[in-house]
Amino acid sequence: MAEQAQCENLIRKTIEAFGSIDILVNNAGISMWAYFDEVTDLMTHVGEFNGMFYALGYAGHGVAMGTYLGKTVAEAMLGGTIKEHPFAAFPFPNAPLGLYNGTPWFLLLVGAWHRFLDVIE
């Protein structure tokens, strides 16, 4: 579903049918073959950040790994054991050369570069 109205309709109908939603799972993703950025970390990561649980970075083995991690992360969420999940032990790598500190300062430059490439094509 890409339209916000579709998502709102799904949630409304789910609440009408079941009375509430206890856990909402978003299975959004992007291709690792994106033209805009290069994926350098091919390790699967699992964890929790500010109350949001995640399982990401399937790197080519997504269907099988996504199904497995969806199940095991849901079990860890319910059991309160997400920190004990085998894939929770792998930290995210730092950006090359330490140039990224959490603020995407480089996106203006990247956007300008791609606008330039569009003009010269």
PDB file of N, CA and C in Angstrom:
ATOM      1  N   MET A   1       0.841  -1.180   0.000  1.00  0.00           N
ATOM      2  CA  MET A   1       0.000   0.000   0.000  1.00  0.00           C
ATOM      3  C   MET A   1       0.882   1.237   0.000  1.00  0.00           C
ATOM      4  N   ALA A   2       0.657   2.104  -0.935  1.00  0.00           N
ATOM      5  CA  ALA A   2       1.448   3.323  -1.017  1.00  0.00           C
ATOM      6  C   ALA A   2       0.637   4.559  -0.659  1.00  0.00           C
ATOM      7  N   GLU A   3      -0.663   4.453  -0.657  1.00  0.00           N
ATOM      8  CA  GLU A   3      -1.532   5.600  -0.388  1.00  0.00           C
ATOM      9  C   GLU A   3      -1.900   5.644   1.099  1.00  0.00           C
ATOM     10  N   GLN A   4      -1.794   6.826   1.705  1.00  0.00           N
ATOM     11  CA  GLN A   4      -2.131   6.975   3.114  1.00  0.00           C
ATOM     12  C   GLN A   4      -3.586   6.595   3.379  1.00  0.00           C
ATOM     13  N   ALA A   5      -4.485   6.942   2.476  1.00  0.00           N
ATOM     14  CA  ALA A   5      -5.911   6.616   2.661  1.00  0.00           C
ATOM     15  C   ALA A   5      -6.120   5.102   2.739  1.00  0.00           C
ATOM     16  N   GLN A   6      -5.358   4.331   1.958  1.00  0.00           N
ATOM     17  CA  GLN A   6      -5.469   2.872   2.008  1.00  0.00           C
ATOM     18  C   GLN A   6      -5.041   2.348   3.380  1.00  0.00           C
ATOM     19  N   CYS A   7      -3.957   2.899   3.905  1.00  0.00           N
ATOM     20  CA  CYS A   7      -3.468   2.485   5.226  1.00  0.00           C
ATOM     21  C   CYS A   7      -4.492   2.828   6.308  1.00  0.00           C
ATOM     22  N   GLU A   8      -5.035   4.032   6.254  1.00  0.00           N
ATOM     23  CA  GLU A   8      -6.030   4.441   7.240  1.00  0.00           C
ATOM     24  C   GLU A   8      -7.274   3.561   7.160  1.00  0.00           C
ATOM     25  N   ASN A   9      -7.701   3.205   5.953  1.00  0.00           N
ATOM     26  CA  ASN A   9      -8.856   2.341   5.764  1.00  0.00           C
ATOM     27  C   ASN A   9      -8.589   0.946   6.339  1.00  0.00           C
ATOM     28  N   LEU A  10      -7.398   0.415   6.090  1.00  0.00           N
ATOM     29  CA  LEU A  10      -7.036  -0.894   6.625  1.00  0.00           C
ATOM     30  C   LEU A  10      -7.065  -0.888   8.152  1.00  0.00           C
ATOM     31  N   ILE A  11      -6.492   0.138   8.757  1.00  0.00           N
ATOM     32  CA  ILE A  11      -6.478   0.230  10.225  1.00  0.00           C
ATOM     33  C   ILE A  11      -7.894   0.367  10.767  1.00  0.00           C
ATOM     34  N   ARG A  12      -8.695   1.211  10.146  1.00  0.00           N
ATOM     35  CA  ARG A  12     -10.078   1.407  10.601  1.00  0.00           C
ATOM     36  C   ARG A  12     -10.869   0.097  10.537  1.00  0.00           C
ATOM     37  N   LYS A  13     -10.759  -0.607   9.420  1.00  0.00           N
ATOM     38  CA  LYS A  13     -11.502  -1.866   9.267  1.00  0.00           C
ATOM     39  C   LYS A  13     -10.985  -2.948  10.220  1.00  0.00           C
ATOM     40  N   THR A  14      -9.691  -2.950  10.487  1.00  0.00           N
ATOM     41  CA  THR A  14      -9.132  -3.912  11.432  1.00  0.00           C
ATOM     42  C   THR A  14      -9.672  -3.659  12.831  1.00  0.00           C
ATOM     43  N   ILE A  15      -9.729  -2.400  13.241  1.00  0.00           N
ATOM     44  CA  ILE A  15     -10.261  -2.057  14.564  1.00  0.00           C
ATOM     45  C   ILE A  15     -11.746  -2.382  14.647  1.00  0.00           C
ATOM     46  N   GLU A  16     -12.480  -2.139  13.559  1.00  0.00           N
ATOM     47  CA  GLU A  16     -13.907  -2.490  13.536  1.00  0.00           C
ATOM     48  C   GLU A  16     -14.093  -4.005  13.703  1.00  0.00           C
ATOM     49  N   ALA A  17     -13.231  -4.776  13.083  1.00  0.00           N
ATOM     50  CA  ALA A  17     -13.379  -6.235  13.117  1.00  0.00           C
ATOM     51  C   ALA A  17     -12.870  -6.851  14.419  1.00  0.00           C
ATOM     52  N   PHE A  18     -11.745  -6.324  14.950  1.00  0.00           N
ATOM     53  CA  PHE A  18     -11.103  -6.974  16.095  1.00  0.00           C
ATOM     54  C   PHE A  18     -11.126  -6.142  17.372  1.00  0.00           C
ATOM     55  N   GLY A  19     -11.538  -4.889  17.303  1.00  0.00           N
ATOM     56  CA  GLY A  19     -11.640  -4.052  18.498  1.00  0.00           C
ATOM     57  C   GLY A  19     -10.409  -3.222  18.814  1.00  0.00           C
ATOM     58  N   SER A  20      -9.226  -3.694  18.437  1.00  0.00           N
ATOM     59  CA  SER A  20      -7.998  -2.926  18.705  1.00  0.00           C
ATOM     60  C   SER A  20      -6.854  -3.512  17.880  1.00  0.00           C
ATOM     61  N   ILE A  21      -5.755  -2.786  17.884  1.00  0.00           N
ATOM     62  CA  ILE A  21      -4.515  -3.272  17.282  1.00  0.00           C
ATOM     63  C   ILE A  21      -3.464  -3.220  18.385  1.00  0.00           C
ATOM     64  N   ASP A  22      -2.914  -4.369  18.735  1.00  0.00           N
ATOM     65  CA  ASP A  22      -1.908  -4.421  19.786  1.00  0.00           C
ATOM     66  C   ASP A  22      -0.506  -4.154  19.251  1.00  0.00           C
ATOM     67  N   ILE A  23      -0.205  -4.695  18.069  1.00  0.00           N
ATOM     68  CA  ILE A  23       1.117  -4.525  17.464  1.00  0.00           C
ATOM     69  C   ILE A  23       0.907  -4.237  15.984  1.00  0.00           C
ATOM     70  N   LEU A  24       1.580  -3.210  15.487  1.00  0.00           N
ATOM     71  CA  LEU A  24       1.504  -2.874  14.072  1.00  0.00           C
ATOM     72  C   LEU A  24       2.885  -3.092  13.466  1.00  0.00           C
ATOM     73  N   VAL A  25       2.972  -3.882  12.418  1.00  0.00           N
ATOM     74  CA  VAL A  25       4.239  -4.207  11.776  1.00  0.00           C
ATOM     75  C   VAL A  25       4.287  -3.533  10.417  1.00  0.00           C
ATOM     76  N   ASN A  26       5.336  -2.795  10.166  1.00  0.00           N
ATOM     77  CA  ASN A  26       5.545  -2.153   8.878  1.00  0.00           C
ATOM     78  C   ASN A  26       6.627  -2.929   8.154  1.00  0.00           C
ATOM     79  N   ASN A  27       6.309  -3.457   6.994  1.00  0.00           N
ATOM     80  CA  ASN A  27       7.270  -4.231   6.226  1.00  0.00           C
ATOM     81  C   ASN A  27       7.705  -3.434   4.999  1.00  0.00           C
ATOM     82  N   ALA A  28       8.140  -2.218   5.227  1.00  0.00           N
ATOM     83  CA  ALA A  28       8.594  -1.371   4.123  1.00  0.00           C
ATOM     84  C   ALA A  28      10.051  -1.688   3.816  1.00  0.00           C
ATOM     85  N   GLY A  29      10.450  -1.457   2.602  1.00  0.00           N
ATOM     86  CA  GLY A  29      11.836  -1.712   2.256  1.00  0.00           C
ATOM     87  C   GLY A  29      12.221  -1.036   0.964  1.00  0.00           C
ATOM     88  N   ILE A  30      13.512  -1.020   0.725  1.00  0.00           N
ATOM     89  CA  ILE A  30      14.033  -0.487  -0.523  1.00  0.00           C
ATOM     90  C   ILE A  30      15.013  -1.494  -1.098  1.00  0.00           C
ATOM     91  N   SER A  31      15.313  -1.363  -2.342  1.00  0.00           N
ATOM     92  CA  SER A  31      16.243  -2.265  -2.992  1.00  0.00           C
ATOM     93  C   SER A  31      17.673  -1.910  -2.631  1.00  0.00           C
ATOM     94  N   MET A  32      18.484  -2.936  -2.463  1.00  0.00           N
ATOM     95  CA  MET A  32      19.902  -2.658  -2.220  1.00  0.00           C
ATOM     96  C   MET A  32      20.595  -2.200  -3.500  1.00  0.00           C
ATOM     97  N   TRP A  33      19.894  -2.236  -4.636  1.00  0.00           N
ATOM     98  CA  TRP A  33      20.459  -1.811  -5.904  1.00  0.00           C
ATOM     99  C   TRP A  33      20.037  -0.386  -6.250  1.00  0.00           C
ATOM    100  N   ALA A  34      19.745   0.404  -5.231  1.00  0.00           N
ATOM    101  CA  ALA A  34      19.329   1.787  -5.455  1.00  0.00           C
ATOM    102  C   ALA A  34      20.454   2.574  -6.115  1.00  0.00           C
ATOM    103  N   TYR A  35      20.084   3.518  -6.964  1.00  0.00           N
ATOM    104  CA  TYR A  35      21.088   4.344  -7.635  1.00  0.00           C
ATOM    105  C   TYR A  35      21.605   5.454  -6.736  1.00  0.00           C
ATOM    106  N   PHE A  36      20.863   5.783  -5.689  1.00  0.00           N
ATOM    107  CA  PHE A  36      21.177   6.954  -4.889  1.00  0.00           C
ATOM    108  C   PHE A  36      22.235   6.680  -3.834  1.00  0.00           C
ATOM    109  N   ASP A  37      22.303   5.484  -3.346  1.00  0.00           N
ATOM    110  CA  ASP A  37      23.215   5.173  -2.265  1.00  0.00           C
ATOM    111  C   ASP A  37      23.744   3.761  -2.470  1.00  0.00           C
ATOM    112  N   GLU A  38      24.829   3.460  -1.825  1.00  0.00           N
ATOM    113  CA  GLU A  38      25.407   2.139  -1.918  1.00  0.00           C
ATOM    114  C   GLU A  38      25.328   1.474  -0.549  1.00  0.00           C
ATOM    115  N   VAL A  39      24.838   0.254  -0.519  1.00  0.00           N
ATOM    116  CA  VAL A  39      24.764  -0.497   0.726  1.00  0.00           C
ATOM    117  C   VAL A  39      26.110  -1.164   0.948  1.00  0.00           C
ATOM    118  N   THR A  40      26.772  -0.836   2.044  1.00  0.00           N
ATOM    119  CA  THR A  40      28.073  -1.435   2.325  1.00  0.00           C
ATOM    120  C   THR A  40      28.011  -2.441   3.458  1.00  0.00           C
ATOM    121  N   ASP A  41      26.937  -2.418   4.236  1.00  0.00           N
ATOM    122  CA  ASP A  41      26.787  -3.346   5.351  1.00  0.00           C
ATOM    123  C   ASP A  41      25.796  -4.429   4.944  1.00  0.00           C
ATOM    124  N   LEU A  42      26.275  -5.640   4.745  1.00  0.00           N
ATOM    125  CA  LEU A  42      25.427  -6.729   4.291  1.00  0.00           C
ATOM    126  C   LEU A  42      24.961  -7.620   5.438  1.00  0.00           C
ATOM    127  N   MET A  43      25.218  -7.223   6.680  1.00  0.00           N
ATOM    128  CA  MET A  43      24.824  -8.014   7.843  1.00  0.00           C
ATOM    129  C   MET A  43      23.383  -7.710   8.242  1.00  0.00           C
ATOM    130  N   THR A  44      22.665  -8.728   8.638  1.00  0.00           N
ATOM    131  CA  THR A  44      21.308  -8.559   9.150  1.00  0.00           C
ATOM    132  C   THR A  44      21.380  -7.963  10.554  1.00  0.00           C
ATOM    133  N   HIS A  45      20.486  -7.025  10.851  1.00  0.00           N
ATOM    134  CA  HIS A  45      20.437  -6.385  12.165  1.00  0.00           C
ATOM    135  C   HIS A  45      19.040  -6.522  12.755  1.00  0.00           C
ATOM    136  N   VAL A  46      18.980  -6.762  14.046  1.00  0.00           N
ATOM    137  CA  VAL A  46      17.739  -6.907  14.787  1.00  0.00           C
ATOM    138  C   VAL A  46      17.893  -6.126  16.077  1.00  0.00           C
ATOM    139  N   GLY A  47      16.827  -5.463  16.521  1.00  0.00           N
ATOM    140  CA  GLY A  47      16.904  -4.763  17.797  1.00  0.00           C
ATOM    141  C   GLY A  47      15.697  -3.907  18.070  1.00  0.00           C
ATOM    142  N   GLU A  48      15.892  -2.978  19.001  1.00  0.00           N
ATOM    143  CA  GLU A  48      14.835  -2.057  19.422  1.00  0.00           C
ATOM    144  C   GLU A  48      15.458  -0.686  19.609  1.00  0.00           C
ATOM    145  N   PHE A  49      14.789   0.341  19.116  1.00  0.00           N
ATOM    146  CA  PHE A  49      15.259   1.709  19.260  1.00  0.00           C
ATOM    147  C   PHE A  49      14.062   2.592  19.574  1.00  0.00           C
ATOM    148  N   ASN A  50      14.078   3.226  20.724  1.00  0.00           N
ATOM    149  CA  ASN A  50      12.990   4.112  21.157  1.00  0.00           C
ATOM    150  C   ASN A  50      11.620   3.448  21.049  1.00  0.00           C
ATOM    151  N   GLY A  51      11.534   2.191  21.448  1.00  0.00           N
ATOM    152  CA  GLY A  51      10.254   1.491  21.440  1.00  0.00           C
ATOM    153  C   GLY A  51       9.852   0.897  20.106  1.00  0.00           C
ATOM    154  N   MET A  52      10.675   1.071  19.075  1.00  0.00           N
ATOM    155  CA  MET A  52      10.375   0.515  17.761  1.00  0.00           C
ATOM    156  C   MET A  52      11.314  -0.664  17.506  1.00  0.00           C
ATOM    157  N   PHE A  53      10.736  -1.809  17.232  1.00  0.00           N
ATOM    158  CA  PHE A  53      11.530  -3.000  16.965  1.00  0.00           C
ATOM    159  C   PHE A  53      11.832  -3.081  15.477  1.00  0.00           C
ATOM    160  N   TYR A  54      13.005  -3.588  15.140  1.00  0.00           N
ATOM    161  CA  TYR A  54      13.381  -3.655  13.736  1.00  0.00           C
ATOM    162  C   TYR A  54      14.115  -4.955  13.419  1.00  0.00           C
ATOM    163  N   ALA A  55      13.996  -5.358  12.168  1.00  0.00           N
ATOM    164  CA  ALA A  55      14.767  -6.445  11.573  1.00  0.00           C
ATOM    165  C   ALA A  55      15.046  -5.979  10.153  1.00  0.00           C
ATOM    166  N   LEU A  56      16.313  -5.775   9.821  1.00  0.00           N
ATOM    167  CA  LEU A  56      16.638  -5.200   8.518  1.00  0.00           C
ATOM    168  C   LEU A  56      17.985  -5.688   8.017  1.00  0.00           C
ATOM    169  N   GLY A  57      18.250  -5.408   6.754  1.00  0.00           N
ATOM    170  CA  GLY A  57      19.534  -5.734   6.153  1.00  0.00           C
ATOM    171  C   GLY A  57      19.638  -7.173   5.687  1.00  0.00           C
ATOM    172  N   TYR A  58      18.653  -7.643   4.942  1.00  0.00           N
ATOM    173  CA  TYR A  58      18.660  -9.047   4.523  1.00  0.00           C
ATOM    174  C   TYR A  58      19.644  -9.324   3.390  1.00  0.00           C
ATOM    175  N   ALA A  59      20.019  -8.321   2.635  1.00  0.00           N
ATOM    176  CA  ALA A  59      21.084  -8.390   1.641  1.00  0.00           C
ATOM    177  C   ALA A  59      21.034  -9.591   0.696  1.00  0.00           C
ATOM    178  N   GLY A  60      19.945  -9.718  -0.046  1.00  0.00           N
ATOM    179  CA  GLY A  60      19.870 -10.745  -1.068  1.00  0.00           C
ATOM    180  C   GLY A  60      19.195 -12.028  -0.639  1.00  0.00           C
ATOM    181  N   HIS A  61      19.097 -12.283   0.637  1.00  0.00           N
ATOM    182  CA  HIS A  61      18.413 -13.485   1.104  1.00  0.00           C
ATOM    183  C   HIS A  61      17.169 -13.083   1.887  1.00  0.00           C
ATOM    184  N   GLY A  62      16.491 -12.049   1.380  1.00  0.00           N
ATOM    185  CA  GLY A  62      15.403 -11.407   2.097  1.00  0.00           C
ATOM    186  C   GLY A  62      14.160 -12.220   2.340  1.00  0.00           C
ATOM    187  N   VAL A  63      13.684 -13.005   1.378  1.00  0.00           N
ATOM    188  CA  VAL A  63      12.427 -13.701   1.567  1.00  0.00           C
ATOM    189  C   VAL A  63      12.536 -14.697   2.716  1.00  0.00           C
ATOM    190  N   ALA A  64      13.527 -15.554   2.666  1.00  0.00           N
ATOM    191  CA  ALA A  64      13.683 -16.544   3.731  1.00  0.00           C
ATOM    192  C   ALA A  64      14.054 -15.874   5.052  1.00  0.00           C
ATOM    193  N   MET A  65      14.974 -14.953   5.016  1.00  0.00           N
ATOM    194  CA  MET A  65      15.426 -14.308   6.249  1.00  0.00           C
ATOM    195  C   MET A  65      14.342 -13.412   6.824  1.00  0.00           C
ATOM    196  N   GLY A  66      13.597 -12.718   5.975  1.00  0.00           N
ATOM    197  CA  GLY A  66      12.539 -11.836   6.456  1.00  0.00           C
ATOM    198  C   GLY A  66      11.442 -12.601   7.181  1.00  0.00           C
ATOM    199  N   THR A  67      11.074 -13.750   6.651  1.00  0.00           N
ATOM    200  CA  THR A  67      10.054 -14.574   7.295  1.00  0.00           C
ATOM    201  C   THR A  67      10.550 -15.080   8.641  1.00  0.00           C
ATOM    202  N   TYR A  68      11.771 -15.567   8.672  1.00  0.00           N
ATOM    203  CA  TYR A  68      12.357 -16.075   9.916  1.00  0.00           C
ATOM    204  C   TYR A  68      12.478 -14.960  10.956  1.00  0.00           C
ATOM    205  N   LEU A  69      13.017 -13.825  10.543  1.00  0.00           N
ATOM    206  CA  LEU A  69      13.213 -12.733  11.499  1.00  0.00           C
ATOM    207  C   LEU A  69      11.894 -12.128  11.949  1.00  0.00           C
ATOM    208  N   GLY A  70      10.914 -12.075  11.061  1.00  0.00           N
ATOM    209  CA  GLY A  70       9.603 -11.590  11.487  1.00  0.00           C
ATOM    210  C   GLY A  70       9.057 -12.415  12.633  1.00  0.00           C
ATOM    211  N   LYS A  71       9.177 -13.713  12.514  1.00  0.00           N
ATOM    212  CA  LYS A  71       8.693 -14.624  13.564  1.00  0.00           C
ATOM    213  C   LYS A  71       9.516 -14.486  14.843  1.00  0.00           C
ATOM    214  N   THR A  72      10.839 -14.528  14.721  1.00  0.00           N
ATOM    215  CA  THR A  72      11.667 -14.510  15.931  1.00  0.00           C
ATOM    216  C   THR A  72      11.672 -13.148  16.622  1.00  0.00           C
ATOM    217  N   VAL A  73      11.579 -12.057  15.849  1.00  0.00           N
ATOM    218  CA  VAL A  73      11.502 -10.740  16.474  1.00  0.00           C
ATOM    219  C   VAL A  73      10.164 -10.572  17.181  1.00  0.00           C
ATOM    220  N   ALA A  74       9.078 -11.059  16.575  1.00  0.00           N
ATOM    221  CA  ALA A  74       7.771 -10.990  17.242  1.00  0.00           C
ATOM    222  C   ALA A  74       7.799 -11.774  18.550  1.00  0.00           C
ATOM    223  N   GLU A  75       8.414 -12.950  18.533  1.00  0.00           N
ATOM    224  CA  GLU A  75       8.534 -13.734  19.764  1.00  0.00           C
ATOM    225  C   GLU A  75       9.366 -13.006  20.809  1.00  0.00           C
ATOM    226  N   ALA A  76      10.452 -12.365  20.377  1.00  0.00           N
ATOM    227  CA  ALA A  76      11.303 -11.618  21.309  1.00  0.00           C
ATOM    228  C   ALA A  76      10.579 -10.390  21.853  1.00  0.00           C
ATOM    229  N   MET A  77       9.753  -9.737  21.007  1.00  0.00           N
ATOM    230  CA  MET A  77       8.963  -8.595  21.474  1.00  0.00           C
ATOM    231  C   MET A  77       8.011  -9.032  22.581  1.00  0.00           C
ATOM    232  N   LEU A  78       7.319 -10.125  22.355  1.00  0.00           N
ATOM    233  CA  LEU A  78       6.349 -10.612  23.331  1.00  0.00           C
ATOM    234  C   LEU A  78       7.023 -11.104  24.605  1.00  0.00           C
ATOM    235  N   GLY A  79       8.209 -11.694  24.466  1.00  0.00           N
ATOM    236  CA  GLY A  79       8.915 -12.228  25.629  1.00  0.00           C
ATOM    237  C   GLY A  79       9.851 -11.241  26.300  1.00  0.00           C
ATOM    238  N   GLY A  80      10.020 -10.054  25.689  1.00  0.00           N
ATOM    239  CA  GLY A  80      10.938  -9.060  26.260  1.00  0.00           C
ATOM    240  C   GLY A  80      12.400  -9.466  26.174  1.00  0.00           C
ATOM    241  N   THR A  81      12.745 -10.259  25.155  1.00  0.00           N
ATOM    242  CA  THR A  81      14.112 -10.786  25.055  1.00  0.00           C
ATOM    243  C   THR A  81      14.827 -10.344  23.789  1.00  0.00           C
ATOM    244  N   ILE A  82      14.494  -9.202  23.241  1.00  0.00           N
ATOM    245  CA  ILE A  82      15.082  -8.775  21.961  1.00  0.00           C
ATOM    246  C   ILE A  82      16.601  -8.632  22.053  1.00  0.00           C
ATOM    247  N   LYS A  83      17.123  -8.239  23.209  1.00  0.00           N
ATOM    248  CA  LYS A  83      18.575  -8.080  23.351  1.00  0.00           C
ATOM    249  C   LYS A  83      19.309  -9.419  23.302  1.00  0.00           C
ATOM    250  N   GLU A  84      18.595 -10.516  23.496  1.00  0.00           N
ATOM    251  CA  GLU A  84      19.199 -11.850  23.451  1.00  0.00           C
ATOM    252  C   GLU A  84      19.101 -12.484  22.061  1.00  0.00           C
ATOM    253  N   HIS A  85      18.439 -11.822  21.118  1.00  0.00           N
ATOM    254  CA  HIS A  85      18.305 -12.355  19.764  1.00  0.00           C
ATOM    255  C   HIS A  85      19.699 -12.490  19.145  1.00  0.00           C
ATOM    256  N   PRO A  86      19.981 -13.582  18.431  1.00  0.00           N
ATOM    257  CA  PRO A  86      21.318 -13.783  17.863  1.00  0.00           C
ATOM    258  C   PRO A  86      21.795 -12.643  16.962  1.00  0.00           C
ATOM    259  N   PHE A  87      20.888 -12.015  16.198  1.00  0.00           N
ATOM    260  CA  PHE A  87      21.307 -10.940  15.296  1.00  0.00           C
ATOM    261  C   PHE A  87      21.362  -9.575  15.981  1.00  0.00           C
ATOM    262  N   ALA A  88      20.990  -9.500  17.245  1.00  0.00           N
ATOM    263  CA  ALA A  88      21.066  -8.229  17.970  1.00  0.00           C
ATOM    264  C   ALA A  88      22.491  -7.909  18.402  1.00  0.00           C
ATOM    265  N   ALA A  89      23.377  -8.869  18.301  1.00  0.00           N
ATOM    266  CA  ALA A  89      24.759  -8.683  18.756  1.00  0.00           C
ATOM    267  C   ALA A  89      25.622  -7.917  17.764  1.00  0.00           C
ATOM    268  N   PHE A  90      25.140  -7.743  16.529  1.00  0.00           N
ATOM    269  CA  PHE A  90      25.961  -7.099  15.506  1.00  0.00           C
ATOM    270  C   PHE A  90      25.703  -5.594  15.471  1.00  0.00           C
ATOM    271  N   PRO A  91      26.706  -4.780  15.776  1.00  0.00           N
ATOM    272  CA  PRO A  91      26.507  -3.325  15.736  1.00  0.00           C
ATOM    273  C   PRO A  91      26.478  -2.812  14.303  1.00  0.00           C
ATOM    274  N   PHE A  92      25.855  -1.649  14.120  1.00  0.00           N
ATOM    275  CA  PHE A  92      25.878  -1.003  12.813  1.00  0.00           C
ATOM    276  C   PHE A  92      27.262  -0.407  12.600  1.00  0.00           C
ATOM    277  N   PRO A  93      27.823  -0.561  11.411  1.00  0.00           N
ATOM    278  CA  PRO A  93      29.148   0.027  11.159  1.00  0.00           C
ATOM    279  C   PRO A  93      29.053   1.538  11.006  1.00  0.00           C
ATOM    280  N   ASN A  94      30.150   2.199  11.292  1.00  0.00           N
ATOM    281  CA  ASN A  94      30.213   3.639  11.075  1.00  0.00           C
ATOM    282  C   ASN A  94      30.368   3.931   9.588  1.00  0.00           C
ATOM    283  N   ALA A  95      30.026   5.137   9.210  1.00  0.00           N
ATOM    284  CA  ALA A  95      30.182   5.549   7.824  1.00  0.00           C
ATOM    285  C   ALA A  95      31.665   5.623   7.475  1.00  0.00           C
ATOM    286  N   PRO A  96      31.988   5.387   6.202  1.00  0.00           N
ATOM    287  CA  PRO A  96      33.393   5.476   5.788  1.00  0.00           C
ATOM    288  C   PRO A  96      33.986   6.840   6.120  1.00  0.00           C
ATOM    289  N   LEU A  97      35.193   6.836   6.589  1.00  0.00           N
ATOM    290  CA  LEU A  97      35.967   8.037   6.931  1.00  0.00           C
ATOM    291  C   LEU A  97      35.354   8.836   8.081  1.00  0.00           C
ATOM    292  N   GLY A  98      34.319   8.329   8.726  1.00  0.00           N
ATOM    293  CA  GLY A  98      33.699   9.043   9.837  1.00  0.00           C
ATOM    294  C   GLY A  98      33.009  10.332   9.423  1.00  0.00           C
ATOM    295  N   LEU A  99      32.563  10.420   8.172  1.00  0.00           N
ATOM    296  CA  LEU A  99      31.983  11.668   7.673  1.00  0.00           C
ATOM    297  C   LEU A  99      30.520  11.855   8.037  1.00  0.00           C
ATOM    298  N   TYR A 100      29.861  10.815   8.482  1.00  0.00           N
ATOM    299  CA  TYR A 100      28.443  10.932   8.815  1.00  0.00           C
ATOM    300  C   TYR A 100      28.266  10.875  10.324  1.00  0.00           C
ATOM    301  N   ASN A 101      27.633  11.906  10.875  1.00  0.00           N
ATOM    302  CA  ASN A 101      27.455  11.982  12.325  1.00  0.00           C
ATOM    303  C   ASN A 101      25.981  11.943  12.726  1.00  0.00           C
ATOM    304  N   GLY A 102      25.100  11.572  11.822  1.00  0.00           N
ATOM    305  CA  GLY A 102      23.676  11.532  12.114  1.00  0.00           C
ATOM    306  C   GLY A 102      22.898  12.637  11.422  1.00  0.00           C
ATOM    307  N   THR A 103      23.585  13.662  10.950  1.00  0.00           N
ATOM    308  CA  THR A 103      22.952  14.752  10.202  1.00  0.00           C
ATOM    309  C   THR A 103      23.311  14.575   8.726  1.00  0.00           C
ATOM    310  N   PRO A 104      22.325  14.397   7.855  1.00  0.00           N
ATOM    311  CA  PRO A 104      22.608  14.124   6.439  1.00  0.00           C
ATOM    312  C   PRO A 104      23.019  15.384   5.662  1.00  0.00           C
ATOM    313  N   TRP A 105      24.130  15.981   6.021  1.00  0.00           N
ATOM    314  CA  TRP A 105      24.612  17.225   5.413  1.00  0.00           C
ATOM    315  C   TRP A 105      24.920  17.047   3.925  1.00  0.00           C
ATOM    316  N   PHE A 106      25.232  15.847   3.521  1.00  0.00           N
ATOM    317  CA  PHE A 106      25.684  15.566   2.159  1.00  0.00           C
ATOM    318  C   PHE A 106      24.538  15.439   1.159  1.00  0.00           C
ATOM    319  N   LEU A 107      23.293  15.344   1.635  1.00  0.00           N
ATOM    320  CA  LEU A 107      22.180  15.140   0.710  1.00  0.00           C
ATOM    321  C   LEU A 107      21.980  16.327  -0.228  1.00  0.00           C
ATOM    322  N   LEU A 108      22.267  17.527   0.223  1.00  0.00           N
ATOM    323  CA  LEU A 108      22.171  18.688  -0.673  1.00  0.00           C
ATOM    324  C   LEU A 108      23.165  18.561  -1.826  1.00  0.00           C
ATOM    325  N   LEU A 109      24.375  18.122  -1.512  1.00  0.00           N
ATOM    326  CA  LEU A 109      25.387  17.950  -2.553  1.00  0.00           C
ATOM    327  C   LEU A 109      25.002  16.831  -3.515  1.00  0.00           C
ATOM    328  N   VAL A 110      24.507  15.731  -2.982  1.00  0.00           N
ATOM    329  CA  VAL A 110      24.098  14.606  -3.829  1.00  0.00           C
ATOM    330  C   VAL A 110      22.937  15.016  -4.722  1.00  0.00           C
ATOM    331  N   GLY A 111      21.955  15.716  -4.164  1.00  0.00           N
ATOM    332  CA  GLY A 111      20.823  16.190  -4.956  1.00  0.00           C
ATOM    333  C   GLY A 111      21.262  17.127  -6.065  1.00  0.00           C
ATOM    334  N   ALA A 112      22.170  18.039  -5.740  1.00  0.00           N
ATOM    335  CA  ALA A 112      22.676  18.973  -6.746  1.00  0.00           C
ATOM    336  C   ALA A 112      23.425  18.226  -7.856  1.00  0.00           C
ATOM    337  N   TRP A 113      24.213  17.232  -7.471  1.00  0.00           N
ATOM    338  CA  TRP A 113      24.959  16.444  -8.448  1.00  0.00           C
ATOM    339  C   TRP A 113      24.008  15.734  -9.404  1.00  0.00           C
ATOM    340  N   HIS A 114      22.947  15.133  -8.879  1.00  0.00           N
ATOM    341  CA  HIS A 114      22.023  14.408  -9.746  1.00  0.00           C
ATOM    342  C   HIS A 114      21.167  15.350 -10.590  1.00  0.00           C
ATOM    343  N   ARG A 115      20.875  16.537 -10.087  1.00  0.00           N
ATOM    344  CA  ARG A 115      20.200  17.539 -10.933  1.00  0.00           C
ATOM    345  C   ARG A 115      21.112  17.927 -12.089  1.00  0.00           C
ATOM    346  N   PHE A 116      22.391  18.103 -11.803  1.00  0.00           N
ATOM    347  CA  PHE A 116      23.369  18.422 -12.836  1.00  0.00           C
ATOM    348  C   PHE A 116      23.428  17.307 -13.890  1.00  0.00           C
ATOM    349  N   LEU A 117      23.449  16.054 -13.437  1.00  0.00           N
ATOM    350  CA  LEU A 117      23.484  14.935 -14.379  1.00  0.00           C
ATOM    351  C   LEU A 117      22.222  14.906 -15.238  1.00  0.00           C
ATOM    352  N   ASP A 118      21.076  15.250 -14.659  1.00  0.00           N
ATOM    353  CA  ASP A 118      19.839  15.301 -15.435  1.00  0.00           C
ATOM    354  C   ASP A 118      19.916  16.365 -16.519  1.00  0.00           C
ATOM    355  N   VAL A 119      20.525  17.498 -16.193  1.00  0.00           N
ATOM    356  CA  VAL A 119      20.621  18.602 -17.157  1.00  0.00           C
ATOM    357  C   VAL A 119      21.526  18.232 -18.330  1.00  0.00           C
ATOM    358  N   ILE A 120      22.626  17.564 -18.059  1.00  0.00           N
ATOM    359  CA  ILE A 120      23.573  17.275 -19.156  1.00  0.00           C
ATOM    360  C   ILE A 120      23.193  16.050 -19.981  1.00  0.00           C
ATOM    361  N   GLU A 121      22.180  15.306 -19.554  1.00  0.00           N
ATOM    362  CA  GLU A 121      21.775  14.121 -20.336  1.00  0.00           C
ATOM    363  C   GLU A 121      21.044  14.508 -21.581  1.00  0.00           C
TER     364      GLU A 121
END
